[in-house]
Protein backbone atom coordinates (compact mmCIF):
# COMPACT_ATOMS: atom_id res chain seq x y z
CA MET A 1 -74.63 -41.15 -24.08
CA SER A 2 -71.68 -40.77 -21.72
CA LYS A 3 -73.80 -38.67 -19.33
CA LEU A 4 -76.43 -41.42 -19.24
CA ALA A 5 -73.75 -44.04 -18.61
CA ASN A 6 -72.30 -41.96 -15.77
CA LYS A 7 -75.75 -41.54 -14.28
CA LEU A 8 -76.54 -45.23 -14.40
CA GLY A 9 -73.10 -46.20 -13.18
CA SER A 10 -71.56 -49.64 -13.36
CA PRO A 11 -74.04 -52.56 -13.61
CA ARG A 12 -72.36 -53.98 -10.49
CA ARG A 13 -73.79 -51.04 -8.55
CA TRP A 14 -77.35 -51.57 -9.75
CA SER A 15 -79.92 -52.73 -7.26
CA LEU A 16 -80.99 -56.37 -7.29
CA THR A 17 -84.45 -55.26 -8.47
CA ALA A 18 -82.94 -53.46 -11.46
CA ARG A 19 -80.66 -56.38 -12.28
CA MET A 20 -83.44 -58.95 -12.11
CA SER A 21 -85.74 -56.71 -14.17
CA VAL A 22 -83.06 -56.32 -16.84
CA PHE A 23 -82.32 -60.06 -16.85
CA PHE A 24 -86.02 -60.96 -17.00
CA GLY A 25 -86.71 -58.40 -19.75
CA THR A 26 -83.68 -59.54 -21.74
CA ALA A 27 -84.70 -63.19 -21.49
CA ILE A 28 -88.27 -62.43 -22.60
CA ALA A 29 -86.98 -60.21 -25.42
CA VAL A 30 -84.69 -62.96 -26.71
CA VAL A 31 -87.53 -65.49 -26.62
CA LEU A 32 -90.05 -63.17 -28.31
CA ILE A 33 -87.63 -62.02 -30.99
CA GLY A 34 -86.60 -65.60 -31.67
CA VAL A 35 -90.18 -66.86 -31.93
CA SER A 36 -91.26 -63.85 -34.03
CA ALA A 37 -88.32 -64.26 -36.39
CA MET A 38 -89.14 -67.94 -36.80
CA MET A 39 -92.82 -67.18 -37.49
CA TYR A 40 -91.95 -64.42 -39.98
CA SER A 41 -89.43 -66.66 -41.76
CA GLU A 42 -92.01 -69.46 -41.98
CA LEU A 43 -94.60 -67.05 -43.42
CA VAL A 44 -92.15 -65.82 -46.05
CA HIS A 45 -91.28 -69.40 -46.94
CA GLN A 46 -94.91 -70.46 -47.29
CA LEU A 47 -95.81 -67.40 -49.40
CA HIS A 48 -92.84 -68.07 -51.66
CA GLU A 49 -93.87 -71.69 -52.14
CA LYS A 50 -97.46 -70.65 -52.85
CA GLU A 51 -96.35 -68.03 -55.39
CA GLU A 52 -93.95 -70.44 -57.09
CA ALA A 53 -96.64 -73.13 -57.30
CA GLU A 54 -99.09 -70.59 -58.74
CA LEU A 55 -96.52 -69.40 -61.28
CA ARG A 56 -95.70 -72.93 -62.41
CA ALA A 57 -99.40 -73.71 -62.77
CA ASP A 58 -99.85 -70.57 -64.89
CA LEU A 59 -96.83 -71.55 -67.02
CA GLN A 60 -98.29 -75.02 -67.53
CA ILE A 61 -101.57 -73.56 -68.70
CA GLN A 62 -99.81 -71.03 -70.96
CA GLN A 63 -97.73 -73.81 -72.45
CA GLU A 64 -100.88 -75.79 -73.26
CA VAL A 65 -102.42 -72.73 -74.86
CA LEU A 66 -99.33 -72.19 -77.01
CA ASP A 67 -99.32 -75.88 -77.93
CA ASP A 68 -102.90 -75.55 -79.20
CA VAL A 69 -101.97 -72.46 -81.18
CA VAL A 70 -98.99 -74.21 -82.75
CA GLN A 71 -101.16 -77.19 -83.66
CA LYS A 72 -103.78 -74.77 -85.00
CA LYS A 73 -106.36 -76.01 -82.59
CA LEU A 74 -109.05 -73.82 -81.16
CA PRO A 75 -108.49 -73.07 -77.48
CA ASN A 76 -110.88 -74.68 -75.06
CA HIS A 77 -113.49 -72.62 -73.30
CA TRP A 78 -111.65 -72.69 -69.96
CA GLN A 79 -108.49 -71.51 -71.69
CA HIS A 80 -110.35 -68.46 -73.01
CA GLU A 81 -111.60 -67.69 -69.53
CA TRP A 82 -108.10 -68.05 -68.10
CA VAL A 83 -106.61 -65.69 -70.71
CA GLU A 84 -109.35 -63.14 -70.01
CA TYR A 85 -108.71 -63.42 -66.29
CA GLN A 86 -104.98 -62.81 -66.74
CA ASP A 87 -105.63 -59.83 -69.03
CA THR A 88 -108.06 -58.37 -66.50
CA TYR A 89 -105.97 -58.67 -63.35
CA ARG A 90 -102.58 -58.56 -65.14
CA ARG A 91 -100.91 -60.63 -62.37
CA PHE A 92 -99.22 -63.13 -64.67
CA ALA A 93 -97.04 -62.38 -67.71
CA TRP A 94 -95.03 -64.60 -70.02
CA GLN A 95 -92.31 -64.47 -72.67
CA LEU A 96 -91.32 -67.03 -75.28
CA ILE A 97 -87.54 -66.81 -75.69
CA GLY A 98 -85.73 -68.48 -78.51
CA ALA A 99 -82.41 -70.28 -78.40
CA ASP A 100 -80.67 -67.05 -79.41
CA GLY A 101 -82.08 -65.25 -76.36
CA ARG A 102 -84.48 -63.10 -78.36
CA VAL A 103 -88.10 -62.75 -77.33
CA ARG A 104 -90.26 -64.47 -79.96
CA ASP A 105 -93.58 -63.77 -78.36
CA ALA A 106 -94.89 -62.31 -75.10
CA SER A 107 -98.02 -61.30 -73.26
CA SER A 108 -99.15 -57.72 -73.48
CA ASN A 109 -98.06 -56.94 -69.92
CA ALA A 110 -94.64 -58.60 -70.14
CA SER A 111 -92.79 -55.31 -70.67
CA VAL A 112 -94.41 -53.81 -67.61
CA TYR A 113 -93.55 -56.83 -65.41
CA GLY A 114 -89.98 -56.79 -66.64
CA GLN A 115 -89.54 -53.44 -64.88
CA ALA A 116 -91.52 -54.27 -61.72
CA ARG A 117 -89.71 -54.39 -58.35
CA HIS A 118 -91.37 -57.50 -56.92
CA VAL A 119 -91.61 -60.18 -59.60
CA LEU A 120 -91.13 -63.92 -59.30
CA THR A 121 -89.64 -65.46 -62.46
CA VAL A 122 -89.57 -69.12 -63.53
CA SER A 123 -88.42 -70.53 -66.88
CA VAL A 124 -89.23 -73.94 -68.44
CA PRO A 125 -87.81 -75.46 -71.63
CA VAL A 126 -90.24 -75.53 -74.62
CA GLY A 127 -88.08 -76.56 -77.57
CA HIS A 128 -91.06 -77.82 -79.57
CA LEU A 129 -92.52 -74.28 -79.70
CA ALA A 130 -89.55 -72.23 -80.95
CA GLY A 131 -86.71 -74.63 -81.65
CA ASN A 132 -84.13 -76.30 -79.52
CA GLY A 133 -83.02 -74.21 -76.53
CA ALA A 134 -86.23 -72.18 -76.39
CA GLN A 135 -87.71 -71.31 -73.03
CA LEU A 136 -91.03 -70.15 -71.74
CA ARG A 137 -90.43 -67.55 -69.01
CA GLY A 138 -93.21 -66.82 -66.56
CA MET A 139 -93.37 -63.71 -64.35
CA LEU A 140 -95.71 -63.30 -61.42
CA ASP A 141 -96.34 -59.99 -59.67
CA VAL A 142 -95.84 -60.56 -55.95
CA SER A 143 -96.07 -56.91 -54.86
CA GLN A 144 -99.27 -57.57 -52.95
CA ASP A 145 -97.67 -60.37 -50.99
CA GLN A 146 -94.71 -58.11 -50.20
CA ARG A 147 -97.07 -55.44 -48.92
CA VAL A 148 -98.73 -58.07 -46.73
CA LEU A 149 -95.31 -59.13 -45.39
CA ARG A 150 -94.31 -55.52 -44.66
CA ALA A 151 -97.57 -54.86 -42.83
CA TYR A 152 -97.22 -58.09 -40.90
CA GLY A 153 -93.61 -57.26 -40.04
CA LYS A 154 -94.53 -53.80 -38.72
CA LYS A 155 -97.32 -55.19 -36.60
CA LEU A 156 -95.06 -57.96 -35.35
CA ILE A 157 -92.36 -55.46 -34.36
CA GLY A 158 -94.92 -53.34 -32.54
CA VAL A 159 -96.35 -56.32 -30.70
CA VAL A 160 -92.89 -57.59 -29.74
CA ALA A 161 -91.84 -54.12 -28.51
CA LEU A 162 -94.99 -53.80 -26.40
CA ALA A 163 -94.51 -57.34 -25.08
CA ILE A 164 -90.90 -56.57 -24.10
CA LEU A 165 -91.92 -53.38 -22.30
CA PHE A 166 -94.75 -55.20 -20.57
CA SER A 167 -92.51 -58.08 -19.54
CA ALA A 168 -89.86 -55.65 -18.25
CA GLY A 169 -92.51 -53.91 -16.15
CA MET A 170 -93.85 -57.21 -14.87
CA GLY A 171 -90.30 -58.34 -14.17
CA TRP A 172 -89.67 -55.22 -12.08
CA ILE A 173 -92.90 -55.77 -10.13
CA LEU A 174 -92.19 -59.47 -9.56
CA ALA A 175 -88.56 -58.80 -8.63
CA ARG A 176 -89.59 -56.12 -6.16
CA ARG A 177 -92.17 -58.40 -4.57
CA GLY A 178 -89.74 -61.31 -4.58
CA LEU A 179 -87.05 -59.22 -2.86
CA ALA A 180 -89.42 -57.96 -0.20
CA PRO A 181 -87.95 -60.44 2.35
CA VAL A 182 -84.49 -59.02 1.64
CA ARG A 183 -85.72 -55.53 2.50
CA ALA A 184 -87.42 -56.94 5.58
CA ILE A 185 -84.27 -58.67 6.81
CA SER A 186 -82.28 -55.50 6.09
CA ALA A 187 -84.73 -53.55 8.24
CA GLU A 188 -84.37 -56.12 11.03
CA ILE A 189 -80.58 -55.90 10.82
CA GLY A 190 -80.75 -52.09 10.80
CA ARG A 191 -82.56 -52.09 14.13
CA VAL A 192 -79.71 -53.94 15.86
CA ASN A 193 -77.34 -51.69 17.82
CA ALA A 194 -74.87 -51.97 20.69
CA GLU A 195 -77.71 -52.17 23.21
CA GLN A 196 -79.49 -54.93 21.28
CA LEU A 197 -76.71 -57.40 20.58
CA HIS A 198 -78.88 -60.03 22.24
CA ALA A 199 -81.47 -59.71 19.44
CA ARG A 200 -81.81 -62.60 16.99
CA ILE A 201 -83.50 -62.63 13.58
CA ALA A 202 -83.25 -66.28 12.50
CA ASN A 203 -86.41 -67.11 14.46
CA ASN A 204 -88.55 -65.25 11.91
CA ALA A 205 -90.18 -67.08 8.99
CA TRP A 206 -87.62 -66.25 6.29
CA PRO A 207 -87.45 -67.95 2.85
CA ALA A 208 -85.02 -70.83 2.59
CA GLU A 209 -82.50 -68.69 0.67
CA LEU A 210 -82.37 -66.12 3.49
CA ARG A 211 -82.54 -68.50 6.43
CA GLN A 212 -78.85 -69.33 6.13
CA LEU A 213 -78.00 -65.61 5.98
CA ALA A 214 -80.12 -64.93 9.07
CA THR A 215 -78.43 -67.80 10.92
CA ALA A 216 -74.97 -66.52 9.97
CA PHE A 217 -75.93 -63.02 11.11
CA ASP A 218 -77.16 -64.37 14.45
CA ASP A 219 -73.89 -66.26 14.88
CA MET A 220 -72.01 -63.03 14.19
CA LEU A 221 -74.18 -61.19 16.73
CA ALA A 222 -73.45 -63.89 19.30
CA ARG A 223 -69.70 -63.51 18.72
CA LEU A 224 -69.97 -59.73 18.90
CA GLU A 225 -72.02 -59.98 22.09
CA ARG A 226 -69.42 -62.21 23.71
CA SER A 227 -66.60 -59.95 22.54
CA PHE A 228 -68.46 -56.85 23.72
CA GLU A 229 -69.09 -58.37 27.13
CA GLN A 230 -65.49 -59.50 27.36
CA LEU A 231 -64.26 -56.04 26.35
CA SER A 232 -66.55 -54.35 28.88
CA ARG A 233 -65.43 -56.73 31.60
CA PHE A 234 -61.81 -56.28 30.57
CA SER A 235 -62.11 -52.48 30.67
CA SER A 236 -63.65 -52.63 34.13
CA ASP A 237 -61.04 -55.09 35.41
CA LEU A 238 -58.27 -53.05 33.83
CA ALA A 239 -59.39 -49.90 35.60
CA HIS A 240 -59.65 -51.80 38.87
CA GLU A 241 -56.26 -53.49 38.54
CA PHE A 242 -54.47 -50.27 37.64
CA ARG A 243 -56.20 -48.36 40.40
CA SER A 244 -54.80 -50.51 43.23
CA PRO A 245 -51.05 -50.07 42.53
CA ILE A 246 -51.49 -46.42 41.59
CA ASN A 247 -53.40 -45.75 44.83
CA ASN A 248 -50.68 -47.57 46.75
CA LEU A 249 -48.02 -45.42 45.10
CA VAL A 250 -49.89 -42.20 45.81
CA ALA A 251 -50.71 -43.22 49.40
CA ALA A 252 -47.13 -44.20 50.18
CA ALA A 253 -45.77 -40.98 48.72
CA SER A 254 -48.42 -38.84 50.47
CA VAL A 255 -47.81 -40.39 53.90
CA THR A 256 -44.05 -40.02 53.51
CA LEU A 257 -44.33 -36.38 52.47
CA ALA A 258 -46.73 -35.50 55.30
CA ARG A 259 -43.77 -34.88 57.68
CA ALA A 260 -40.07 -35.34 57.87
CA ARG A 261 -38.91 -38.97 57.93
CA ASP A 262 -35.70 -40.72 58.69
CA SER A 263 -33.74 -42.64 56.06
CA ALA A 264 -35.20 -46.02 57.06
CA GLU A 265 -38.76 -44.81 56.49
CA TYR A 266 -37.81 -43.28 53.14
CA GLN A 267 -36.18 -46.54 52.14
CA LYS A 268 -39.30 -48.47 53.11
CA THR A 269 -41.42 -46.10 51.03
CA LEU A 270 -39.11 -46.52 48.05
CA GLU A 271 -39.38 -50.30 48.39
CA VAL A 272 -43.19 -49.98 48.19
CA VAL A 273 -42.84 -47.72 45.14
CA VAL A 274 -40.49 -50.21 43.43
CA GLU A 275 -42.77 -53.15 44.26
CA GLU A 276 -45.87 -51.46 42.88
CA GLY A 277 -43.91 -50.16 39.89
CA GLU A 278 -42.72 -53.67 39.06
CA ARG A 279 -46.30 -54.90 39.36
CA LEU A 280 -47.46 -52.23 36.90
CA SER A 281 -44.57 -53.09 34.58
CA ARG A 282 -45.48 -56.79 34.57
CA MET A 283 -49.11 -55.93 33.94
CA VAL A 284 -48.28 -53.62 31.02
CA SER A 285 -45.87 -56.20 29.55
CA SER A 286 -48.52 -58.95 29.72
CA MET A 287 -51.19 -56.72 28.23
CA LEU A 288 -48.86 -55.73 25.39
CA PHE A 289 -48.15 -59.40 24.67
CA LEU A 290 -51.86 -60.26 24.66
CA ALA A 291 -52.64 -57.32 22.36
CA ARG A 292 -49.98 -58.45 19.88
CA ALA A 293 -51.21 -62.04 20.05
CA ASP A 294 -54.81 -60.96 19.44
CA ASN A 295 -53.75 -58.95 16.38
CA ALA A 296 -51.50 -61.70 14.98
CA GLU A 297 -48.44 -59.45 15.44
CA GLN A 298 -46.60 -61.84 17.76
CA GLY A 299 -44.21 -63.81 15.57
CA LEU A 300 -43.03 -67.36 16.30
CA ARG A 301 -39.45 -68.57 16.05
CA LEU A 302 -40.00 -72.30 15.83
CA GLU A 303 -37.21 -74.60 16.90
CA LYS A 304 -36.95 -78.20 17.99
CA VAL A 305 -37.25 -77.98 21.76
CA SER A 306 -36.32 -80.85 24.07
CA LEU A 307 -38.91 -80.87 26.85
CA ALA A 308 -36.62 -82.91 29.11
CA VAL A 309 -34.06 -80.10 28.97
CA GLU A 310 -36.72 -77.40 29.49
CA PHE A 311 -38.23 -79.28 32.43
CA ARG A 312 -34.80 -79.61 34.04
CA LYS A 313 -34.16 -75.87 33.70
CA LEU A 314 -37.58 -75.03 35.12
CA ALA A 315 -37.05 -77.40 38.08
CA GLU A 316 -33.67 -75.82 38.83
CA PHE A 317 -35.11 -72.30 38.61
CA TYR A 318 -38.10 -72.99 40.92
CA GLU A 319 -36.25 -75.36 43.26
CA ILE A 320 -35.63 -72.71 45.93
CA ALA A 321 -39.22 -71.42 45.83
CA ALA A 322 -40.54 -74.98 46.12
CA GLU A 323 -38.32 -75.72 49.11
CA GLU A 324 -39.42 -72.53 50.86
CA ASN A 325 -43.09 -73.50 50.41
CA GLY A 326 -42.45 -77.10 51.42
CA VAL A 327 -43.62 -78.36 48.02
CA LYS A 328 -42.07 -81.24 46.10
CA LEU A 329 -41.44 -80.55 42.39
CA GLU A 330 -41.38 -83.49 39.92
CA ALA A 331 -40.80 -83.46 36.15
CA SER A 332 -40.87 -86.27 33.59
CA GLY A 333 -41.15 -86.61 29.82
CA ALA A 334 -38.60 -86.79 27.00
CA CYS A 335 -40.58 -85.48 24.03
CA GLU A 336 -39.39 -83.05 21.40
CA LEU A 337 -41.65 -80.24 20.29
CA PRO A 338 -41.42 -77.67 17.48
CA ALA A 339 -42.07 -74.44 19.39
CA ASP A 340 -40.82 -70.98 20.20
CA PRO A 341 -38.51 -71.66 23.19
CA LEU A 342 -39.00 -68.29 24.88
CA LEU A 343 -42.78 -68.38 24.67
CA LEU A 344 -42.94 -72.03 25.75
CA ARG A 345 -40.79 -71.25 28.82
CA ARG A 346 -42.98 -68.28 29.65
CA ALA A 347 -46.16 -70.38 29.53
CA LEU A 348 -44.71 -73.21 31.65
CA SER A 349 -43.18 -70.72 34.07
CA ASN A 350 -46.57 -69.05 34.60
CA LEU A 351 -48.23 -72.39 35.30
CA LEU A 352 -45.49 -73.57 37.68
CA ALA A 353 -45.48 -70.30 39.60
CA ASN A 354 -49.26 -70.46 39.90
CA ALA A 355 -49.17 -74.10 41.08
CA LEU A 356 -46.45 -73.41 43.68
CA ARG A 357 -48.36 -70.40 44.98
CA TYR A 358 -51.59 -72.34 45.66
CA THR A 359 -50.15 -75.69 46.82
CA GLY A 360 -49.87 -76.19 50.55
CA ARG A 361 -46.86 -77.50 52.44
CA GLY A 362 -46.23 -81.16 51.84
CA GLY A 363 -47.89 -81.03 48.44
CA THR A 364 -46.47 -82.04 45.07
CA VAL A 365 -46.37 -80.24 41.71
CA ARG A 366 -45.85 -82.50 38.70
CA LEU A 367 -44.69 -81.40 35.27
CA LEU A 368 -45.40 -84.11 32.66
CA ALA A 369 -45.08 -84.44 28.87
CA ALA A 370 -46.30 -87.23 26.58
CA ARG A 371 -46.75 -87.84 22.87
CA GLN A 372 -50.37 -88.50 21.81
CA GLY A 373 -50.78 -89.06 18.08
CA ASP A 374 -49.75 -85.91 16.19
CA ALA A 375 -49.59 -83.78 19.32
CA VAL A 376 -47.52 -83.32 22.46
CA VAL A 377 -49.49 -82.96 25.69
CA ILE A 378 -47.92 -81.07 28.60
CA SER A 379 -49.64 -81.08 31.98
CA VAL A 380 -48.93 -79.18 35.20
CA THR A 381 -50.65 -80.91 38.12
CA ASP A 382 -50.83 -80.05 41.81
CA ASP A 383 -52.57 -81.67 44.78
CA GLY A 384 -53.66 -78.40 46.35
CA ALA A 385 -57.08 -77.22 47.46
CA GLY A 386 -58.57 -77.27 43.96
CA ILE A 387 -60.96 -74.83 42.31
CA GLU A 388 -64.74 -74.66 42.40
CA PRO A 389 -66.39 -75.89 39.15
CA GLU A 390 -68.15 -72.59 38.48
CA HIS A 391 -64.79 -70.83 38.14
CA LEU A 392 -63.20 -73.23 35.64
CA PRO A 393 -64.72 -71.75 32.41
CA PHE A 394 -63.33 -68.30 33.27
CA LEU A 395 -59.85 -69.10 34.55
CA PHE A 396 -58.15 -68.15 31.27
CA ASP A 397 -59.97 -64.81 31.08
CA ARG A 398 -57.96 -61.68 31.71
CA PHE A 399 -57.88 -60.39 35.31
CA TYR A 400 -60.10 -63.25 36.47
CA ARG A 401 -59.32 -64.67 39.91
CA ALA A 402 -61.12 -67.65 41.39
CA ASP A 403 -60.39 -66.34 44.87
CA ALA A 404 -60.09 -62.57 45.06
CA SER A 405 -58.74 -62.82 48.58
CA ARG A 406 -55.60 -64.51 47.25
CA SER A 407 -54.70 -61.64 44.92
CA SER A 408 -51.49 -59.88 45.77
CA ALA A 409 -48.90 -57.61 44.30
CA GLU A 410 -47.12 -60.69 42.96
CA THR A 411 -49.93 -61.52 40.53
CA THR A 412 -51.52 -59.50 37.76
CA GLY A 413 -54.46 -61.75 36.84
CA LEU A 414 -53.04 -62.09 33.32
CA GLY A 415 -50.80 -65.14 33.67
CA LEU A 416 -53.28 -67.77 32.52
CA ALA A 417 -54.52 -65.51 29.70
CA VAL A 418 -50.93 -65.28 28.48
CA VAL A 419 -50.59 -69.07 28.68
CA ARG A 420 -53.67 -69.61 26.53
CA SER A 421 -52.50 -67.03 23.96
CA ILE A 422 -49.09 -68.71 23.68
CA VAL A 423 -50.63 -72.14 23.15
CA GLU A 424 -53.10 -70.79 20.58
CA LEU A 425 -50.27 -69.07 18.71
CA HIS A 426 -48.79 -72.55 18.27
CA GLY A 427 -52.15 -73.86 17.04
CA GLY A 428 -52.89 -75.74 20.24
CA THR A 429 -55.39 -75.63 23.08
CA ALA A 430 -55.27 -75.02 26.83
CA SER A 431 -57.67 -76.55 29.35
CA VAL A 432 -58.03 -77.07 33.07
CA THR A 433 -59.64 -79.67 35.31
CA SER A 434 -59.96 -79.48 39.07
CA ARG A 435 -61.66 -81.10 42.04
CA ARG A 436 -62.15 -79.36 45.30
CA GLY A 437 -59.72 -80.78 47.86
CA GLN A 438 -57.90 -82.99 45.29
CA GLY A 439 -55.95 -80.53 43.18
CA THR A 440 -55.84 -78.93 39.73
CA CYS A 441 -54.43 -80.00 36.37
CA PHE A 442 -53.61 -77.59 33.53
CA THR A 443 -53.22 -79.30 30.15
CA LEU A 444 -51.50 -77.79 27.09
CA VAL A 445 -51.86 -79.56 23.72
CA PHE A 446 -49.30 -78.61 21.05
CA PRO A 447 -49.87 -80.06 17.55
CA ILE A 448 -46.82 -81.24 15.63
CA ALA A 449 -47.26 -79.71 12.17
CA ALA A 450 -45.83 -81.63 9.18
CA ALA A 451 -44.05 -78.49 8.03
CA VAL A 452 -42.01 -78.24 11.25
CA ARG A 453 -41.67 -81.93 12.03
CA ALA A 454 -38.42 -82.09 10.11
CA ASP A 455 -35.08 -81.58 11.82
CA LEU A 456 -34.96 -78.06 13.26
CA PRO A 457 -31.81 -76.40 14.55
CA ALA A 458 -31.63 -76.38 18.33
CA ARG A 459 -30.77 -72.93 19.65
CA ALA A 460 -28.91 -72.28 22.84
CA GLY A 461 -31.38 -71.92 25.68
CA GLU A 462 -32.44 -68.43 26.69
CA ARG A 463 -33.72 -68.05 30.21
CA PRO A 464 -36.86 -65.90 30.55
CA TYR A 465 -36.97 -66.63 34.28
């Protein structure tokens, strides 16, 4: 038995066809057994009532016969025929029992019926025949009826067993046919691979129960396709971005080593090496941050941050760079925001540096903050050249540059991707709007969660600049 159980395994591992066949067979078996038991019980009940009615009728006739004998009357003709019938077939027997429990009189077959296995017995009082307390006991042989019940029961069990087996087989066939669409959709899913992520299966004529599954699978394929394309593009961009500084390092070192140089030339080469090394370091640091953010490993240290204070620090830090570029820097807004101070400063610093880099002389960069419902909205706006509309959906992608000609060793192409990751870590959103020749506006929306809306300790500012 244990070997069979090990072979079959847990019912949870059974196929859907097997499960549905077992459920269908069990349901049919319960119904058939219940109906058969009810029919058999009704047959037994009706036979018992028929036998009891027959026995009481025989007792009534026997009592009339005994009454005639006691009154010394001659039995009627029908009574003679009845007595002859009972003697011939010996189905009915009787005993006249006195008040003391002794048998006063009995039919010739009474002793035989007293030892029979299937006998129905009924007693009626007949005090006028043998004194007060006397009874006339009738016995009816029901062995034939019992044989009929046994034969009927065996046939019924056989029919029910065959019906259960037949229903189980039909259940397996119907379940297999009913689950044919599941096998079909599994085959369709099995044909999807990395080269066919564009395939969709929801367009097929699936049953209503599977249509939702097909739609969910197509949605998953769409997400995988976007992620796969993003990963492929990221890998290509990563190789390209790393190649430039590494080539610069190798070229500078190779040219310097080609012949003897004076100290000034060596110093210049070392400056190039340091510059490209710092660029690689910034790139690796940003990529590490993005990887941690993507894998939910970047923790948040939420504190109540005063945006007026943060804006003032940012303005002081970028004041010299703004003056050198001939750009006016403005900041306004006195909101408080539950956020990680270091990450918030990093995001705003990236946006300000980007705005100052692409704003011409005489332009203005504005840093604004305002409360809107249950969120704080921070915007960094410039009145520079603006960005073409076709570039806007991709600005927050890694290594994406709207104008490749503007790329330099100062940028890694990861700044805006870092900004979006920081905002999303806080549960917010980042967006950008721009018009060619009118400027660009980056908008960061930070929700104010109820859990952190309470008073939070303000930590001493740490400058990531």
